[in-house]
């Protein structure tokens, strides 16, 4: 994949923005992730070229931190907490139902680019376990029966009806 000129210019500008920082990599990658939603190898190579930081180091950071992604994420990112409190209260069943309804496994994105399903370690919402977040909005005490309703709400936000 070859990057478009506009993307090269924008990524170069992001790298320039942090050129006087001692350790600019996290800020650069964060800005790129926020702008494009993911950081593919071609972008990592460009960042390496512009900063002098090795591709291996950049790749290590991108793959270590869960908020960075090598592949595009969906418009709606569904995070199912599988921390201890959530797990004990049925979170595995909830994520299994999301997986079944969307036809994807955790870590995958639907073919239409609408949803990404993520299994999270803990979102700090133990008192309302099991908890699910959709683009930062937390749904408390989720059950498998509520999953279709949560998915349908996102379609409604798009002015669409949920497929049967």
Protein backbone atom coordinates (compact mmCIF):
# COMPACT_ATOMS: atom_id res chain seq x y z
CA UNK A 1 0.00 0.00 0.00
CA UNK A 2 1.33 3.42 -0.92
CA UNK A 3 0.38 6.37 1.25
CA UNK A 4 -1.46 9.27 -0.38
CA UNK A 5 0.45 12.55 -0.63
CA UNK A 6 -1.99 14.25 1.74
CA UNK A 7 -1.39 11.54 4.36
CA UNK A 8 2.39 11.81 3.97
CA UNK A 9 2.14 15.59 4.41
CA UNK A 10 -0.07 15.27 7.49
CA UNK A 11 2.09 12.59 9.14
CA UNK A 12 5.20 14.65 8.37
CA UNK A 13 3.53 17.66 10.03
CA UNK A 14 2.70 15.54 13.10
CA UNK A 15 6.33 14.41 13.35
CA UNK A 16 7.53 18.02 12.97
CA UNK A 17 5.19 19.15 15.74
CA UNK A 18 7.16 17.06 18.26
CA UNK A 19 10.71 17.42 16.87
CA UNK A 20 11.94 19.30 19.95
CA UNK A 21 10.60 16.72 22.42
CA UNK A 22 13.08 14.36 24.08
CA UNK A 23 10.78 11.35 23.62
CA UNK A 24 8.26 12.20 20.90
CA UNK A 25 7.14 8.72 19.80
CA UNK A 26 4.06 8.26 22.00
CA UNK A 27 2.75 11.73 21.13
CA UNK A 28 3.33 11.20 17.41
CA UNK A 29 1.67 7.77 17.41
CA UNK A 30 -1.22 9.02 19.52
CA UNK A 31 -1.91 11.88 17.08
CA UNK A 32 -1.71 9.50 14.10
CA UNK A 33 -4.03 6.96 15.80
CA UNK A 34 -6.53 9.74 16.59
CA UNK A 35 -6.39 11.06 13.03
CA UNK A 36 -6.51 7.79 11.06
CA UNK A 37 -7.78 5.18 13.54
CA UNK A 38 -4.82 2.86 13.02
CA UNK A 39 -1.07 2.79 12.35
CA UNK A 40 -0.14 0.41 9.52
CA UNK A 41 3.45 -0.56 8.67
CA UNK A 42 3.72 2.03 5.87
CA UNK A 43 2.98 4.79 8.38
CA UNK A 44 5.47 3.33 10.87
CA UNK A 45 8.13 3.38 8.13
CA UNK A 46 7.38 7.03 7.38
CA UNK A 47 7.56 7.96 11.08
CA UNK A 48 10.90 6.13 11.26
CA UNK A 49 12.20 8.05 8.26
CA UNK A 50 11.09 11.41 9.73
CA UNK A 51 12.27 10.81 13.32
CA UNK A 52 15.24 8.47 13.03
CA UNK A 53 13.51 6.03 15.41
CA UNK A 54 13.81 2.44 14.16
CA UNK A 55 10.78 0.71 12.68
CA UNK A 56 11.38 -2.13 15.16
CA UNK A 57 11.04 0.28 18.11
CA UNK A 58 7.93 1.91 16.62
CA UNK A 59 6.35 -1.49 15.89
CA UNK A 60 7.14 -2.59 19.45
CA UNK A 61 5.31 0.42 20.88
CA UNK A 62 2.32 0.06 18.51
CA UNK A 63 1.87 -3.63 19.35
CA UNK A 64 2.52 -3.25 23.10
CA UNK A 65 -0.12 -0.62 23.86
CA UNK A 66 -3.70 -1.76 23.29
CA UNK A 67 -4.96 1.70 22.30
CA UNK A 68 -2.82 1.57 19.15
CA UNK A 69 -3.98 -0.59 16.26
CA UNK A 70 -2.31 -2.02 13.16
CA UNK A 71 -5.65 -2.41 11.39
CA UNK A 72 -8.67 -0.11 10.95
CA UNK A 73 -11.21 -0.12 13.77
CA UNK A 74 -14.95 0.09 13.32
CA UNK A 75 -16.96 3.26 13.76
CA UNK A 76 -18.32 1.78 17.00
CA UNK A 77 -15.81 0.08 19.26
CA UNK A 78 -17.52 -2.30 21.65
CA UNK A 79 -15.34 -3.09 24.63
CA UNK A 80 -16.46 -5.97 26.81
CA UNK A 81 -14.77 -6.00 30.19
CA UNK A 82 -13.47 -9.43 31.15
CA UNK A 83 -11.86 -8.33 34.42
CA UNK A 84 -12.49 -10.51 37.45
CA UNK A 85 -15.65 -8.80 38.73
CA UNK A 86 -17.22 -8.67 35.27
CA UNK A 87 -16.16 -12.21 34.41
CA UNK A 88 -17.66 -13.62 37.62
CA UNK A 89 -20.95 -11.84 36.82
CA UNK A 90 -21.28 -13.27 33.30
CA UNK A 91 -19.14 -11.13 31.00
CA UNK A 92 -18.02 -14.12 28.94
CA UNK A 93 -21.63 -14.83 27.99
CA UNK A 94 -22.10 -11.17 27.03
CA UNK A 95 -19.04 -11.07 24.76
CA UNK A 96 -20.07 -14.43 23.25
CA UNK A 97 -23.48 -12.98 22.33
CA UNK A 98 -21.89 -9.84 20.82
CA UNK A 99 -19.58 -12.11 18.83
CA UNK A 100 -22.49 -14.22 17.60
CA UNK A 101 -24.70 -11.21 16.72
CA UNK A 102 -21.93 -9.36 14.86
CA UNK A 103 -20.34 -12.43 13.29
CA UNK A 104 -16.86 -11.48 14.50
CA UNK A 105 -14.46 -12.59 17.21
CA UNK A 106 -12.91 -10.23 19.78
CA UNK A 107 -10.23 -8.15 18.08
CA UNK A 108 -12.04 -8.19 14.74
CA UNK A 109 -14.08 -5.62 12.80
CA UNK A 110 -17.28 -6.24 10.86
CA UNK A 111 -16.96 -6.26 7.07
CA UNK A 112 -19.01 -3.05 6.81
CA UNK A 113 -16.54 -1.26 9.12
CA UNK A 114 -19.30 -0.44 11.58
CA UNK A 115 -18.22 -2.45 14.66
CA UNK A 116 -15.03 -3.62 16.32
CA UNK A 117 -15.35 -6.05 19.24
CA UNK A 118 -12.66 -5.86 21.92
CA UNK A 119 -12.13 -7.91 25.06
CA UNK A 120 -10.82 -5.58 27.77
CA UNK A 121 -8.99 -6.51 30.97
CA UNK A 122 -10.69 -4.01 33.30
CA UNK A 123 -12.47 -0.74 32.68
CA UNK A 124 -12.72 0.22 36.35
CA UNK A 125 -16.47 -0.28 36.55
CA UNK A 126 -16.48 -3.27 38.92
CA UNK A 127 -19.49 -2.00 40.89
CA UNK A 128 -21.70 -2.20 37.79
CA UNK A 129 -20.35 -5.50 36.45
CA UNK A 130 -20.53 -6.84 33.85
CA UNK A 131 -19.78 -3.61 32.02
CA UNK A 132 -19.57 -2.88 28.30
CA UNK A 133 -18.41 0.33 26.66
CA UNK A 134 -19.31 1.59 23.21
CA UNK A 135 -17.07 4.46 22.11
CA UNK A 136 -16.62 5.39 25.76
CA UNK A 137 -20.27 5.17 26.82
CA UNK A 138 -20.56 2.55 29.57
CA UNK A 139 -23.48 0.14 29.73
CA UNK A 140 -23.87 -1.27 33.28
CA UNK A 141 -24.92 -4.76 34.38
CA UNK A 142 -25.09 -6.08 30.82
CA UNK A 143 -26.82 -9.32 29.99
CA UNK A 144 -26.81 -11.37 26.81
CA UNK A 145 -30.45 -10.37 26.32
CA UNK A 146 -29.47 -6.67 26.12
CA UNK A 147 -26.82 -7.13 23.44
CA UNK A 148 -29.15 -6.77 20.41
CA UNK A 149 -30.58 -3.60 21.94
CA UNK A 150 -27.09 -2.05 22.30
CA UNK A 151 -26.20 -2.96 18.71
CA UNK A 152 -29.56 -1.68 17.45
CA UNK A 153 -28.96 1.66 19.21
CA UNK A 154 -25.76 2.19 17.21
CA UNK A 155 -27.61 1.48 13.95
CA UNK A 156 -30.28 3.96 15.06
CA UNK A 157 -27.52 6.56 15.61
CA UNK A 158 -26.65 6.03 11.93
CA UNK A 159 -30.26 6.35 10.82
CA UNK A 160 -30.27 2.68 9.82
CA UNK A 161 -32.22 -0.38 10.87
CA UNK A 162 -30.39 -3.30 12.37
CA UNK A 163 -30.13 -6.27 9.97
CA UNK A 164 -32.13 -9.30 11.02
